[in-house]
Amino acid sequence: MKLNLGCGKDIKPAWINVDKFDYNQDIIFNLDTFPYPFDDNSFNVILMKDVIEHLKNPINCLKEIYRISKDRCILIIRTPHPKSPNMKKDITHISPISPKFLSEFNLFPSEVIYYELKQSKPFRLKFFKIVFWNQLLVLIVKK
């Protein structure tokens, strides 16, 4: 089973799509509420695309992800770099996630198989050069 946490309007067919706002997804649920409405060891793949920075308690979220992950589950997290304009321009971004936190992930037994800090192509806005940074973490959960 595949889980798309904080899906927003990005509803993926054949996945369980979850968001706190109603976008006609499978489940309406606030990820700052614990426990999550899933059984232990349920998912093979979990996606969190531009979600974790919106949570009040990302550590508890990740603990729940560990609980609902099967052994060898692939966890994919994308989040803005803390100093990216993407992080600062949105007032709902309340939990900056550092590159060290993602690249040296040690919250639960796992293997980081990919970490990338991706920089967008710079563009000019008046006298300023604007660059956006996104971080991508892919890891395998070990149980």
Protein backbone atom coordinates (compact mmCIF):
# COMPACT_ATOMS: atom_id res chain seq x y z
CA MET A 1 0.00 0.00 0.00
CA LYS A 2 1.09 3.56 -0.76
CA LEU A 3 0.32 6.63 1.36
CA ASN A 4 0.36 10.26 0.17
CA LEU A 5 0.43 12.36 3.38
CA GLY A 6 -0.59 16.01 3.01
CA CYS A 7 -1.59 15.42 -0.59
CA GLY A 8 -3.37 18.73 -1.18
CA LYS A 9 -4.76 18.68 -4.72
CA ASP A 10 -2.14 16.13 -5.84
CA ILE A 11 -4.47 13.12 -5.59
CA LYS A 12 -2.59 10.01 -6.73
CA PRO A 13 -4.56 7.06 -8.13
CA ALA A 14 -3.95 3.74 -6.32
CA TRP A 15 -2.58 5.60 -3.27
CA ILE A 16 -4.30 6.48 0.00
CA ASN A 17 -4.41 10.28 -0.15
CA VAL A 18 -4.63 12.25 3.12
CA ASP A 19 -4.98 15.98 3.82
CA LYS A 20 -6.59 18.12 6.49
CA PHE A 21 -8.51 20.13 3.88
CA ASP A 22 -11.17 18.59 1.66
CA TYR A 23 -9.83 18.06 -1.87
CA ASN A 24 -11.97 14.95 -2.51
CA GLN A 25 -9.11 12.78 -1.28
CA ASP A 26 -9.56 9.46 0.51
CA ILE A 27 -9.15 10.67 4.10
CA ILE A 28 -9.51 14.09 5.72
CA PHE A 29 -7.10 14.12 8.67
CA ASN A 30 -4.85 16.65 10.41
CA LEU A 31 -1.29 15.30 10.59
CA ASP A 32 -0.74 17.22 13.85
CA THR A 33 -3.25 14.81 15.49
CA PHE A 34 -1.94 11.58 16.98
CA PRO A 35 -2.18 8.66 16.51
CA TYR A 36 -2.72 8.42 12.78
CA PRO A 37 -5.76 6.38 11.66
CA PHE A 38 -3.73 3.47 10.27
CA ASP A 39 -2.64 0.10 11.59
CA ASP A 40 0.97 -0.67 12.45
CA ASN A 41 3.13 -1.93 9.58
CA SER A 42 0.67 -0.97 6.83
CA PHE A 43 2.57 0.87 4.09
CA ASN A 44 5.30 0.05 1.55
CA VAL A 45 5.71 3.65 0.32
CA ILE A 46 5.00 6.95 2.09
CA LEU A 47 5.24 10.34 0.37
CA MET A 48 5.37 13.71 2.14
CA LYS A 49 5.81 16.37 -0.53
CA ASP A 50 6.04 19.92 0.89
CA VAL A 51 4.21 18.91 4.08
CA ILE A 52 6.55 18.46 7.04
CA GLU A 53 7.38 22.18 7.27
CA HIS A 54 3.68 22.88 7.94
CA LEU A 55 3.50 20.64 11.01
CA LYS A 56 3.71 21.78 14.62
CA ASN A 57 5.44 18.57 15.66
CA PRO A 58 7.33 16.95 12.79
CA ILE A 59 9.15 14.56 15.15
CA ASN A 60 5.87 13.02 16.35
CA CYS A 61 4.75 12.81 12.73
CA LEU A 62 7.88 10.86 11.83
CA LYS A 63 7.38 8.55 14.82
CA GLU A 64 3.88 7.80 13.51
CA ILE A 65 5.30 7.21 10.04
CA TYR A 66 7.69 4.67 11.53
CA ARG A 67 4.81 2.94 13.31
CA ILE A 68 2.68 2.62 10.15
CA SER A 69 5.59 1.69 7.86
CA LYS A 70 6.35 -1.88 6.90
CA ASP A 71 9.91 -3.11 7.05
CA ARG A 72 11.78 -1.76 3.99
CA CYS A 73 9.14 0.94 3.43
CA ILE A 74 10.37 3.73 1.17
CA LEU A 75 9.84 7.16 2.74
CA ILE A 76 10.09 10.21 0.47
CA ILE A 77 10.19 13.68 2.03
CA ARG A 78 10.51 16.95 0.12
CA THR A 79 10.77 20.24 2.00
CA PRO A 80 12.23 23.69 1.41
CA HIS A 81 15.66 24.52 2.80
CA PRO A 82 15.27 26.71 5.93
CA LYS A 83 16.93 29.68 4.18
CA SER A 84 15.04 29.31 0.92
CA PRO A 85 12.63 32.10 -0.02
CA ASN A 86 10.06 29.30 -0.38
CA MET A 87 10.34 28.65 3.35
CA LYS A 88 10.10 32.27 4.39
CA LYS A 89 7.36 33.51 2.08
CA ASP A 90 4.65 31.19 3.41
CA ILE A 91 3.45 31.96 6.94
CA THR A 92 2.15 28.39 7.30
CA HIS A 93 5.75 27.11 7.16
CA ILE A 94 6.34 26.74 10.88
CA SER A 95 8.95 23.95 11.15
CA PRO A 96 12.17 24.54 9.25
CA ILE A 97 13.93 21.26 8.55
CA SER A 98 17.71 21.50 8.35
CA PRO A 99 19.83 19.70 5.76
CA LYS A 100 21.72 18.02 8.61
CA PHE A 101 18.45 16.65 10.02
CA LEU A 102 17.57 15.11 6.67
CA SER A 103 20.98 13.99 5.45
CA GLU A 104 21.92 12.44 8.82
CA PHE A 105 18.47 11.09 9.58
CA ASN A 106 18.55 9.05 12.80
CA LEU A 107 15.09 9.32 14.31
CA PHE A 108 14.43 5.62 13.74
CA PRO A 109 16.28 2.71 12.14
CA SER A 110 16.59 3.53 8.46
CA GLU A 111 19.01 3.85 5.60
CA VAL A 112 19.25 7.13 3.72
CA ILE A 113 19.50 6.10 0.09
CA TYR A 114 19.26 9.57 -1.44
CA TYR A 115 19.55 13.14 -0.24
CA GLU A 116 19.59 16.14 -2.55
CA LEU A 117 19.67 19.86 -2.00
CA LYS A 118 18.40 21.17 -5.31
CA GLN A 119 18.81 24.77 -6.35
CA SER A 120 16.49 26.29 -8.91
CA LYS A 121 17.76 28.33 -11.81
CA PRO A 122 18.34 31.86 -10.50
CA PHE A 123 16.20 34.66 -11.83
CA ARG A 124 16.37 38.38 -11.27
CA LEU A 125 13.75 40.47 -9.55
CA LYS A 126 14.75 44.13 -9.82
CA PHE A 127 18.18 44.20 -8.17
CA PHE A 128 17.98 40.85 -6.42
CA LYS A 129 18.89 37.42 -7.68
CA ILE A 130 16.34 34.92 -6.34
CA VAL A 131 17.24 31.26 -5.86
CA PHE A 132 14.99 28.59 -4.37
CA TRP A 133 16.32 25.48 -2.62
CA ASN A 134 14.37 22.29 -2.12
CA GLN A 135 15.56 19.28 -0.16
CA LEU A 136 14.67 15.72 -1.07
CA LEU A 137 15.20 12.74 1.21
CA VAL A 138 14.55 9.13 0.26
CA LEU A 139 15.14 6.47 2.87
CA ILE A 140 14.34 2.86 3.61
CA VAL A 141 12.73 2.13 6.96
CA LYS A 142 14.24 -0.79 8.85
CA LYS A 143 12.26 -2.75 11.41
